[in-house]
């Protein structure tokens, strides 16, 4: 595993920036992809958002202060890029974010990259009924097993609030799944 401190030094150095960035992509591409995919749902959209995320990371790495882990900072960028993508789609389609999410879930069955079964599709529909923050917290905890401490850095909120959000999200999902 590459030391984050060393990687940061290289990322901020003109001589080593290109190679260090390739290493960074290699290290985090898959995790960031699945984080984004859990938010935007579609493989193609996740690829686009992932590319935008890495562009933003590349352009702004010199602004990273080290107040959090590099991982947390990048996840925050990926999360914000994903939300921005959904907001732009909603605006373009002149609809709500919730309807954009629902449309994305309805399109999952035709997505050749979606390997889930009927149960997973039902779970995605249940998640889509949650408010945005609860969706983020549920996805990060349930699918990615991110620790509350790291999630607090990424979402810039308290661990207690995240635990409460996750608990409420689980209850809502259970209710949805038992009703439908």
N, C-alpha and C. Protein backbone atom coordinates (compact mmCIF):
# COMPACT_ATOMS: atom_id res chain seq x y z
N UNK A 1 0.85 -1.19 0.00
CA UNK A 1 0.00 0.00 0.00
C UNK A 1 0.89 1.25 0.00
N UNK A 2 0.58 2.16 -0.86
CA UNK A 2 1.36 3.39 -0.97
C UNK A 2 1.03 4.30 0.22
N UNK A 3 2.06 4.85 0.84
CA UNK A 3 1.89 5.76 1.96
C UNK A 3 1.23 7.05 1.46
N UNK A 4 0.13 7.43 2.12
CA UNK A 4 -0.65 8.60 1.70
C UNK A 4 0.19 9.89 1.76
N UNK A 5 1.04 10.00 2.77
CA UNK A 5 1.87 11.20 2.92
C UNK A 5 2.84 11.32 1.73
N UNK A 6 3.48 10.20 1.40
CA UNK A 6 4.42 10.20 0.27
C UNK A 6 3.70 10.49 -1.05
N UNK A 7 2.52 9.90 -1.20
CA UNK A 7 1.73 10.12 -2.41
C UNK A 7 1.36 11.60 -2.54
N UNK A 8 0.98 12.21 -1.45
CA UNK A 8 0.62 13.64 -1.46
C UNK A 8 1.81 14.51 -1.83
N UNK A 9 2.96 14.18 -1.29
CA UNK A 9 4.18 14.95 -1.62
C UNK A 9 4.43 14.88 -3.12
N UNK A 10 4.31 13.67 -3.67
CA UNK A 10 4.54 13.49 -5.11
C UNK A 10 3.46 14.18 -5.94
N UNK A 11 2.22 14.12 -5.47
CA UNK A 11 1.12 14.77 -6.19
C UNK A 11 1.30 16.29 -6.26
N UNK A 12 1.94 16.85 -5.24
CA UNK A 12 2.12 18.30 -5.21
C UNK A 12 3.45 18.73 -5.83
N UNK A 13 4.22 17.74 -6.30
CA UNK A 13 5.51 18.02 -6.94
C UNK A 13 5.34 17.98 -8.45
N UNK A 14 5.84 18.99 -9.13
CA UNK A 14 5.71 19.04 -10.59
C UNK A 14 6.43 17.88 -11.27
N UNK A 15 7.55 17.43 -10.69
CA UNK A 15 8.32 16.34 -11.29
C UNK A 15 7.62 14.99 -11.23
N UNK A 16 6.86 14.75 -10.16
CA UNK A 16 6.27 13.43 -9.95
C UNK A 16 4.75 13.40 -10.04
N UNK A 17 4.14 14.55 -10.32
CA UNK A 17 2.68 14.66 -10.26
C UNK A 17 1.97 13.67 -11.19
N UNK A 18 2.43 13.55 -12.43
CA UNK A 18 1.75 12.68 -13.41
C UNK A 18 1.75 11.22 -12.95
N UNK A 19 2.92 10.71 -12.55
CA UNK A 19 3.00 9.31 -12.10
C UNK A 19 2.22 9.11 -10.80
N UNK A 20 2.33 10.06 -9.90
CA UNK A 20 1.61 9.96 -8.63
C UNK A 20 0.10 9.95 -8.87
N UNK A 21 -0.35 10.73 -9.84
CA UNK A 21 -1.78 10.76 -10.14
C UNK A 21 -2.24 9.43 -10.73
N UNK A 22 -1.41 8.83 -11.58
CA UNK A 22 -1.73 7.50 -12.11
C UNK A 22 -1.83 6.48 -10.96
N UNK A 23 -0.92 6.59 -9.99
CA UNK A 23 -0.96 5.70 -8.82
C UNK A 23 -2.24 5.94 -8.02
N UNK A 24 -2.60 7.20 -7.87
CA UNK A 24 -3.81 7.56 -7.13
C UNK A 24 -5.05 6.96 -7.81
N UNK A 25 -5.12 7.07 -9.12
CA UNK A 25 -6.25 6.51 -9.87
C UNK A 25 -6.30 5.00 -9.67
N UNK A 26 -5.14 4.36 -9.80
CA UNK A 26 -5.07 2.91 -9.64
C UNK A 26 -5.57 2.50 -8.25
N UNK A 27 -5.19 3.26 -7.24
CA UNK A 27 -5.56 2.95 -5.86
C UNK A 27 -7.05 3.13 -5.58
N UNK A 28 -7.64 4.19 -6.11
CA UNK A 28 -8.99 4.58 -5.68
C UNK A 28 -10.08 4.48 -6.74
N UNK A 29 -9.72 4.18 -7.97
CA UNK A 29 -10.70 4.19 -9.06
C UNK A 29 -11.91 3.29 -8.78
N UNK A 30 -11.65 2.07 -8.39
CA UNK A 30 -12.76 1.12 -8.19
C UNK A 30 -13.65 1.52 -7.02
N UNK A 31 -13.06 1.91 -5.90
CA UNK A 31 -13.86 2.32 -4.73
C UNK A 31 -14.70 3.55 -5.04
N UNK A 32 -14.08 4.52 -5.70
CA UNK A 32 -14.82 5.74 -6.04
C UNK A 32 -15.92 5.43 -7.06
N UNK A 33 -15.62 4.55 -8.02
CA UNK A 33 -16.63 4.18 -9.02
C UNK A 33 -17.87 3.63 -8.32
N UNK A 34 -17.70 2.68 -7.40
CA UNK A 34 -18.85 2.05 -6.75
C UNK A 34 -19.57 3.02 -5.83
N UNK A 35 -18.82 3.92 -5.22
CA UNK A 35 -19.46 4.96 -4.40
C UNK A 35 -20.37 5.83 -5.28
N UNK A 36 -19.84 6.25 -6.40
CA UNK A 36 -20.60 7.08 -7.34
C UNK A 36 -21.76 6.28 -7.93
N UNK A 37 -21.51 5.06 -8.30
CA UNK A 37 -22.54 4.21 -8.91
C UNK A 37 -23.71 4.02 -7.96
N UNK A 38 -23.43 3.88 -6.66
CA UNK A 38 -24.51 3.75 -5.68
C UNK A 38 -25.39 5.00 -5.62
N UNK A 39 -24.84 6.12 -6.02
CA UNK A 39 -25.61 7.37 -5.99
C UNK A 39 -26.34 7.60 -7.31
N UNK A 40 -25.63 7.48 -8.43
CA UNK A 40 -26.24 7.83 -9.74
C UNK A 40 -26.89 6.63 -10.43
N UNK A 41 -26.58 5.43 -9.95
CA UNK A 41 -27.18 4.16 -10.41
C UNK A 41 -26.65 3.62 -11.73
N UNK A 42 -26.55 4.41 -12.77
CA UNK A 42 -26.18 3.94 -14.10
C UNK A 42 -24.66 3.83 -14.26
N UNK A 43 -24.21 2.76 -14.91
CA UNK A 43 -22.78 2.56 -15.17
C UNK A 43 -22.20 3.72 -15.99
N UNK A 44 -22.87 4.07 -17.09
CA UNK A 44 -22.36 5.14 -17.95
C UNK A 44 -22.27 6.47 -17.21
N UNK A 45 -23.31 6.78 -16.44
CA UNK A 45 -23.30 8.02 -15.65
C UNK A 45 -22.19 7.98 -14.60
N UNK A 46 -22.01 6.82 -13.97
CA UNK A 46 -20.96 6.68 -12.95
C UNK A 46 -19.58 6.89 -13.58
N UNK A 47 -19.38 6.37 -14.78
CA UNK A 47 -18.10 6.59 -15.48
C UNK A 47 -17.86 8.07 -15.74
N UNK A 48 -18.90 8.77 -16.19
CA UNK A 48 -18.77 10.21 -16.46
C UNK A 48 -18.45 10.98 -15.18
N UNK A 49 -19.18 10.67 -14.12
CA UNK A 49 -18.98 11.38 -12.85
C UNK A 49 -17.59 11.05 -12.28
N UNK A 50 -17.16 9.79 -12.43
CA UNK A 50 -15.83 9.40 -11.96
C UNK A 50 -14.74 10.19 -12.69
N UNK A 51 -14.90 10.34 -13.99
CA UNK A 51 -13.94 11.12 -14.77
C UNK A 51 -13.91 12.57 -14.29
N UNK A 52 -15.09 13.16 -14.09
CA UNK A 52 -15.16 14.53 -13.57
C UNK A 52 -14.52 14.64 -12.19
N UNK A 53 -14.73 13.62 -11.38
CA UNK A 53 -14.16 13.59 -10.02
C UNK A 53 -12.63 13.62 -10.09
N UNK A 54 -12.06 12.77 -10.92
CA UNK A 54 -10.59 12.74 -11.01
C UNK A 54 -10.03 14.02 -11.63
N UNK A 55 -10.76 14.62 -12.54
CA UNK A 55 -10.32 15.91 -13.09
C UNK A 55 -10.28 16.95 -11.98
N UNK A 56 -11.34 16.97 -11.18
CA UNK A 56 -11.41 17.94 -10.07
C UNK A 56 -10.30 17.68 -9.05
N UNK A 57 -10.05 16.41 -8.75
CA UNK A 57 -8.98 16.06 -7.82
C UNK A 57 -7.63 16.55 -8.37
N UNK A 58 -7.39 16.28 -9.64
CA UNK A 58 -6.12 16.66 -10.28
C UNK A 58 -5.93 18.18 -10.23
N UNK A 59 -6.99 18.90 -10.58
CA UNK A 59 -6.88 20.37 -10.63
C UNK A 59 -6.76 21.00 -9.25
N UNK A 60 -7.27 20.31 -8.21
CA UNK A 60 -7.34 20.93 -6.88
C UNK A 60 -6.47 20.26 -5.83
N UNK A 61 -5.63 19.32 -6.21
CA UNK A 61 -4.81 18.61 -5.22
C UNK A 61 -3.94 19.58 -4.42
N UNK A 62 -3.51 20.65 -5.05
CA UNK A 62 -2.67 21.63 -4.34
C UNK A 62 -3.46 22.36 -3.23
N UNK A 63 -4.81 22.31 -3.29
CA UNK A 63 -5.64 22.93 -2.25
C UNK A 63 -5.90 22.00 -1.07
N UNK A 64 -5.54 20.72 -1.21
CA UNK A 64 -5.77 19.77 -0.12
C UNK A 64 -4.85 20.12 1.04
N UNK A 65 -5.46 20.41 2.18
CA UNK A 65 -4.71 20.89 3.35
C UNK A 65 -4.27 19.77 4.29
N UNK A 66 -4.85 18.58 4.14
CA UNK A 66 -4.49 17.49 5.04
C UNK A 66 -5.28 17.50 6.33
N UNK A 67 -6.37 18.27 6.39
CA UNK A 67 -7.22 18.29 7.59
C UNK A 67 -7.97 16.98 7.77
N UNK A 68 -8.14 16.25 6.69
CA UNK A 68 -8.78 14.94 6.73
C UNK A 68 -7.90 13.99 5.93
N UNK A 69 -8.30 12.73 5.85
CA UNK A 69 -7.56 11.79 5.01
C UNK A 69 -7.79 12.16 3.56
N UNK A 70 -6.81 11.86 2.72
CA UNK A 70 -6.94 12.09 1.28
C UNK A 70 -8.18 11.35 0.76
N UNK A 71 -8.35 10.12 1.24
CA UNK A 71 -9.50 9.29 0.88
C UNK A 71 -10.81 10.04 1.15
N UNK A 72 -10.95 10.64 2.33
CA UNK A 72 -12.17 11.37 2.70
C UNK A 72 -12.39 12.57 1.80
N UNK A 73 -11.33 13.29 1.52
CA UNK A 73 -11.41 14.46 0.64
C UNK A 73 -11.88 14.06 -0.75
N UNK A 74 -11.32 12.97 -1.28
CA UNK A 74 -11.72 12.50 -2.62
C UNK A 74 -13.17 12.00 -2.62
N UNK A 75 -13.57 11.31 -1.57
CA UNK A 75 -14.96 10.84 -1.47
C UNK A 75 -15.93 12.02 -1.41
N UNK A 76 -15.51 13.08 -0.71
CA UNK A 76 -16.36 14.28 -0.63
C UNK A 76 -16.54 14.87 -2.03
N UNK A 77 -15.46 14.92 -2.80
CA UNK A 77 -15.54 15.43 -4.17
C UNK A 77 -16.44 14.52 -5.00
N UNK A 78 -16.26 13.21 -4.89
CA UNK A 78 -17.08 12.25 -5.65
C UNK A 78 -18.56 12.38 -5.28
N UNK A 79 -18.83 12.55 -3.99
CA UNK A 79 -20.21 12.71 -3.53
C UNK A 79 -20.82 13.98 -4.10
N UNK A 80 -20.08 15.08 -4.00
CA UNK A 80 -20.58 16.36 -4.51
C UNK A 80 -20.77 16.32 -6.02
N UNK A 81 -19.85 15.69 -6.74
CA UNK A 81 -19.98 15.57 -8.19
C UNK A 81 -21.22 14.73 -8.55
N UNK A 82 -21.48 13.69 -7.79
CA UNK A 82 -22.65 12.83 -8.03
C UNK A 82 -23.95 13.60 -7.80
N UNK A 83 -24.00 14.35 -6.72
CA UNK A 83 -25.20 15.14 -6.41
C UNK A 83 -25.39 16.23 -7.47
N UNK A 84 -24.29 16.86 -7.86
CA UNK A 84 -24.36 17.88 -8.91
C UNK A 84 -24.89 17.28 -10.21
N UNK A 85 -24.43 16.08 -10.53
CA UNK A 85 -24.89 15.39 -11.74
C UNK A 85 -26.41 15.15 -11.68
N UNK A 86 -26.90 14.68 -10.54
CA UNK A 86 -28.34 14.42 -10.39
C UNK A 86 -29.11 15.74 -10.49
N UNK A 87 -28.60 16.78 -9.84
CA UNK A 87 -29.27 18.09 -9.89
C UNK A 87 -29.35 18.63 -11.32
N UNK A 88 -28.25 18.49 -12.08
CA UNK A 88 -28.23 18.96 -13.47
C UNK A 88 -29.23 18.18 -14.32
N UNK A 89 -29.28 16.87 -14.10
CA UNK A 89 -30.25 16.04 -14.83
C UNK A 89 -31.68 16.45 -14.50
N UNK A 90 -31.94 16.70 -13.23
CA UNK A 90 -33.29 17.11 -12.82
C UNK A 90 -33.65 18.44 -13.47
N UNK A 91 -32.70 19.36 -13.49
CA UNK A 91 -32.95 20.66 -14.11
C UNK A 91 -33.17 20.52 -15.61
N UNK A 92 -32.31 19.71 -16.25
CA UNK A 92 -32.41 19.50 -17.69
C UNK A 92 -33.76 18.86 -18.06
N UNK A 93 -34.19 17.91 -17.25
CA UNK A 93 -35.46 17.21 -17.50
C UNK A 93 -36.67 17.95 -16.91
N UNK A 94 -36.39 19.06 -16.25
CA UNK A 94 -37.42 19.86 -15.58
C UNK A 94 -38.27 19.00 -14.66
N UNK A 95 -37.57 18.30 -13.76
CA UNK A 95 -38.22 17.43 -12.80
C UNK A 95 -37.48 17.49 -11.47
N UNK A 96 -37.87 16.67 -10.52
CA UNK A 96 -37.23 16.68 -9.20
C UNK A 96 -36.08 15.67 -9.17
N UNK A 97 -35.20 15.83 -8.18
CA UNK A 97 -34.10 14.89 -7.99
C UNK A 97 -34.64 13.48 -7.74
N UNK A 98 -35.73 13.40 -6.98
CA UNK A 98 -36.33 12.11 -6.66
C UNK A 98 -36.81 11.40 -7.93
N UNK A 99 -37.39 12.17 -8.85
CA UNK A 99 -37.86 11.57 -10.10
C UNK A 99 -36.69 11.13 -10.97
N UNK A 100 -35.59 11.88 -10.94
CA UNK A 100 -34.39 11.48 -11.68
C UNK A 100 -33.86 10.16 -11.11
N UNK A 101 -33.84 10.06 -9.78
CA UNK A 101 -33.39 8.82 -9.13
C UNK A 101 -34.30 7.65 -9.52
N UNK A 102 -35.60 7.89 -9.50
CA UNK A 102 -36.56 6.84 -9.84
C UNK A 102 -36.38 6.39 -11.29
N UNK A 103 -36.16 7.34 -12.17
CA UNK A 103 -35.92 7.02 -13.58
C UNK A 103 -34.65 6.17 -13.73
N UNK A 104 -33.62 6.53 -13.00
CA UNK A 104 -32.36 5.77 -13.05
C UNK A 104 -32.59 4.33 -12.57
N UNK A 105 -33.37 4.17 -11.52
CA UNK A 105 -33.66 2.83 -11.01
C UNK A 105 -34.50 2.03 -11.99
N UNK A 106 -35.48 2.69 -12.59
CA UNK A 106 -36.31 2.01 -13.60
C UNK A 106 -35.46 1.55 -14.78
N UNK A 107 -34.40 2.30 -15.09
CA UNK A 107 -33.52 1.94 -16.20
C UNK A 107 -32.48 0.87 -15.84
N UNK A 108 -32.39 0.53 -14.55
CA UNK A 108 -31.39 -0.46 -14.14
C UNK A 108 -31.60 -1.81 -14.82
N UNK A 109 -32.85 -2.21 -15.02
CA UNK A 109 -33.10 -3.52 -15.62
C UNK A 109 -32.56 -3.60 -17.05
N UNK A 110 -32.48 -2.46 -17.73
CA UNK A 110 -31.94 -2.47 -19.10
C UNK A 110 -30.45 -2.15 -19.13
N UNK A 111 -29.85 -1.87 -17.96
CA UNK A 111 -28.42 -1.58 -17.87
C UNK A 111 -27.66 -2.90 -17.92
N UNK A 112 -26.88 -3.11 -18.98
CA UNK A 112 -26.15 -4.37 -19.14
C UNK A 112 -25.13 -4.60 -18.03
N UNK A 113 -24.76 -3.55 -17.30
CA UNK A 113 -23.79 -3.67 -16.23
C UNK A 113 -24.43 -3.96 -14.87
N UNK A 114 -25.77 -3.93 -14.81
CA UNK A 114 -26.47 -4.23 -13.56
C UNK A 114 -26.61 -5.73 -13.45
N UNK A 115 -26.00 -6.30 -12.44
CA UNK A 115 -26.01 -7.75 -12.28
C UNK A 115 -26.93 -8.20 -11.16
N UNK A 116 -27.72 -7.29 -10.64
CA UNK A 116 -28.58 -7.62 -9.52
C UNK A 116 -29.81 -8.40 -9.94
N UNK A 117 -30.41 -9.04 -8.97
CA UNK A 117 -31.63 -9.78 -9.22
C UNK A 117 -32.83 -8.93 -8.78
N UNK A 118 -33.99 -9.54 -8.74
CA UNK A 118 -35.23 -8.85 -8.38
C UNK A 118 -35.15 -8.25 -6.97
N UNK A 119 -34.52 -8.97 -6.06
CA UNK A 119 -34.40 -8.50 -4.67
C UNK A 119 -33.54 -7.24 -4.62
N UNK A 120 -32.43 -7.23 -5.36
CA UNK A 120 -31.55 -6.06 -5.35
C UNK A 120 -32.24 -4.86 -6.00
N UNK A 121 -33.03 -5.13 -7.01
CA UNK A 121 -33.78 -4.06 -7.67
C UNK A 121 -34.79 -3.46 -6.68
N UNK A 122 -35.43 -4.34 -5.92
CA UNK A 122 -36.40 -3.89 -4.91
C UNK A 122 -35.70 -3.06 -3.83
N UNK A 123 -34.50 -3.49 -3.44
CA UNK A 123 -33.72 -2.73 -2.45
C UNK A 123 -33.38 -1.35 -3.00
N UNK A 124 -32.96 -1.28 -4.28
CA UNK A 124 -32.64 0.02 -4.89
C UNK A 124 -33.87 0.92 -4.92
N UNK A 125 -35.03 0.35 -5.18
CA UNK A 125 -36.27 1.14 -5.18
C UNK A 125 -36.56 1.66 -3.77
N UNK A 126 -36.32 0.83 -2.77
CA UNK A 126 -36.53 1.25 -1.39
C UNK A 126 -35.57 2.38 -1.01
N UNK A 127 -34.31 2.26 -1.41
CA UNK A 127 -33.31 3.29 -1.11
C UNK A 127 -33.71 4.61 -1.76
N UNK A 128 -34.25 4.53 -2.97
CA UNK A 128 -34.63 5.74 -3.71
C UNK A 128 -35.75 6.52 -3.02
N UNK A 129 -36.49 5.87 -2.13
CA UNK A 129 -37.57 6.58 -1.42
C UNK A 129 -37.03 7.42 -0.26
N UNK A 130 -35.77 7.22 0.09
CA UNK A 130 -35.17 7.95 1.22
C UNK A 130 -34.77 9.36 0.81
N UNK A 131 -34.72 10.27 1.78
CA UNK A 131 -34.15 11.60 1.49
C UNK A 131 -32.67 11.43 1.11
N UNK A 132 -32.14 12.40 0.37
CA UNK A 132 -30.79 12.32 -0.18
C UNK A 132 -29.73 11.95 0.85
N UNK A 133 -29.72 12.61 2.00
CA UNK A 133 -28.69 12.36 3.01
C UNK A 133 -28.79 10.93 3.55
N UNK A 134 -30.02 10.46 3.78
CA UNK A 134 -30.19 9.09 4.26
C UNK A 134 -29.73 8.07 3.21
N UNK A 135 -29.96 8.39 1.93
CA UNK A 135 -29.48 7.52 0.85
C UNK A 135 -27.95 7.42 0.91
N UNK A 136 -27.31 8.57 1.02
CA UNK A 136 -25.84 8.59 1.07
C UNK A 136 -25.32 7.77 2.24
N UNK A 137 -25.88 8.02 3.42
CA UNK A 137 -25.43 7.34 4.63
C UNK A 137 -25.68 5.83 4.52
N UNK A 138 -26.87 5.45 4.05
CA UNK A 138 -27.17 4.03 3.91
C UNK A 138 -26.22 3.36 2.93
N UNK A 139 -26.04 3.96 1.77
CA UNK A 139 -25.15 3.37 0.75
C UNK A 139 -23.73 3.24 1.27
N UNK A 140 -23.24 4.28 1.93
CA UNK A 140 -21.86 4.26 2.41
C UNK A 140 -21.66 3.21 3.50
N UNK A 141 -22.65 3.04 4.35
CA UNK A 141 -22.53 2.07 5.44
C UNK A 141 -22.83 0.65 4.95
N UNK A 142 -23.94 0.47 4.25
CA UNK A 142 -24.40 -0.86 3.86
C UNK A 142 -23.56 -1.47 2.74
N UNK A 143 -23.33 -0.73 1.67
CA UNK A 143 -22.63 -1.27 0.51
C UNK A 143 -21.11 -1.13 0.60
N UNK A 144 -20.64 -0.03 1.21
CA UNK A 144 -19.21 0.23 1.20
C UNK A 144 -18.55 0.00 2.55
N UNK A 145 -19.35 -0.22 3.59
CA UNK A 145 -18.86 -0.48 4.95
C UNK A 145 -17.87 0.59 5.42
N UNK A 146 -18.19 1.83 5.13
CA UNK A 146 -17.35 2.95 5.56
C UNK A 146 -17.63 3.23 7.03
N UNK A 147 -16.59 3.42 7.80
CA UNK A 147 -16.72 3.70 9.23
C UNK A 147 -17.38 5.07 9.42
N UNK A 148 -18.14 5.18 10.51
CA UNK A 148 -18.83 6.45 10.78
C UNK A 148 -17.85 7.61 10.90
N UNK A 149 -16.67 7.35 11.46
CA UNK A 149 -15.68 8.42 11.60
C UNK A 149 -15.27 8.96 10.22
N UNK A 150 -14.99 8.04 9.28
CA UNK A 150 -14.62 8.46 7.93
C UNK A 150 -15.80 9.12 7.23
N UNK A 151 -16.99 8.58 7.44
CA UNK A 151 -18.19 9.16 6.84
C UNK A 151 -18.42 10.58 7.35
N UNK A 152 -18.12 10.81 8.64
CA UNK A 152 -18.28 12.14 9.23
C UNK A 152 -17.36 13.14 8.53
N UNK A 153 -16.13 12.70 8.19
CA UNK A 153 -15.20 13.56 7.45
C UNK A 153 -15.71 13.83 6.04
N UNK A 154 -16.21 12.79 5.38
CA UNK A 154 -16.66 12.92 4.00
C UNK A 154 -17.88 13.83 3.90
N UNK A 155 -18.85 13.60 4.78
CA UNK A 155 -20.12 14.33 4.71
C UNK A 155 -20.13 15.58 5.61
N UNK A 156 -19.03 15.78 6.31
CA UNK A 156 -18.87 16.95 7.19
C UNK A 156 -20.03 17.10 8.17
N UNK A 157 -20.26 16.03 8.93
CA UNK A 157 -21.30 16.03 9.95
C UNK A 157 -20.85 15.13 11.10
N UNK A 158 -21.61 15.08 12.17
CA UNK A 158 -21.20 14.30 13.34
C UNK A 158 -21.50 12.82 13.18
N UNK A 159 -20.73 12.01 13.88
CA UNK A 159 -20.96 10.56 13.85
C UNK A 159 -22.34 10.22 14.39
N UNK A 160 -22.75 10.93 15.44
CA UNK A 160 -24.07 10.67 16.05
C UNK A 160 -25.20 10.91 15.05
N UNK A 161 -25.10 11.98 14.30
CA UNK A 161 -26.13 12.29 13.30
C UNK A 161 -26.15 11.21 12.22
N UNK A 162 -24.98 10.71 11.85
CA UNK A 162 -24.89 9.67 10.83
C UNK A 162 -25.49 8.36 11.32
N UNK A 163 -25.21 8.01 12.56
CA UNK A 163 -25.77 6.79 13.14
C UNK A 163 -27.29 6.87 13.18
N UNK A 164 -27.80 8.04 13.56
CA UNK A 164 -29.26 8.23 13.60
C UNK A 164 -29.85 8.14 12.19
N UNK A 165 -29.19 8.78 11.23
CA UNK A 165 -29.66 8.73 9.83
C UNK A 165 -29.69 7.30 9.31
N UNK A 166 -28.64 6.55 9.62
CA UNK A 166 -28.57 5.16 9.16
C UNK A 166 -29.70 4.34 9.79
N UNK A 167 -29.89 4.50 11.08
CA UNK A 167 -30.94 3.75 11.80
C UNK A 167 -32.32 4.06 11.20
N UNK A 168 -32.60 5.33 10.97
CA UNK A 168 -33.88 5.74 10.39
C UNK A 168 -34.02 5.17 8.97
N UNK A 169 -32.95 5.24 8.19
CA UNK A 169 -32.96 4.72 6.82
C UNK A 169 -33.27 3.23 6.81
N UNK A 170 -32.64 2.48 7.70
CA UNK A 170 -32.87 1.03 7.78
C UNK A 170 -34.34 0.75 8.10
N UNK A 171 -34.89 1.49 9.04
CA UNK A 171 -36.31 1.30 9.41
C UNK A 171 -37.23 1.58 8.22
N UNK A 172 -36.95 2.66 7.50
CA UNK A 172 -37.77 3.01 6.33
C UNK A 172 -37.66 1.95 5.24
N UNK A 173 -36.44 1.45 5.03
CA UNK A 173 -36.24 0.41 4.00
C UNK A 173 -36.96 -0.87 4.39
N UNK A 174 -36.84 -1.24 5.67
CA UNK A 174 -37.56 -2.44 6.13
C UNK A 174 -39.06 -2.30 5.93
N UNK A 175 -39.58 -1.12 6.26
CA UNK A 175 -41.02 -0.86 6.08
C UNK A 175 -41.41 -0.96 4.61
N UNK A 176 -40.60 -0.39 3.74
CA UNK A 176 -40.88 -0.42 2.30
C UNK A 176 -40.88 -1.86 1.80
N UNK A 177 -39.86 -2.62 2.20
CA UNK A 177 -39.72 -3.99 1.71
C UNK A 177 -40.83 -4.91 2.23
N UNK A 178 -41.34 -4.65 3.41
CA UNK A 178 -42.42 -5.51 3.93
C UNK A 178 -43.78 -5.13 3.34
N UNK A 179 -43.92 -3.88 2.88
CA UNK A 179 -45.18 -3.43 2.26
C UNK A 179 -45.27 -3.83 0.80
N UNK A 180 -44.15 -3.83 0.09
CA UNK A 180 -44.18 -4.06 -1.37
C UNK A 180 -43.76 -5.46 -1.74
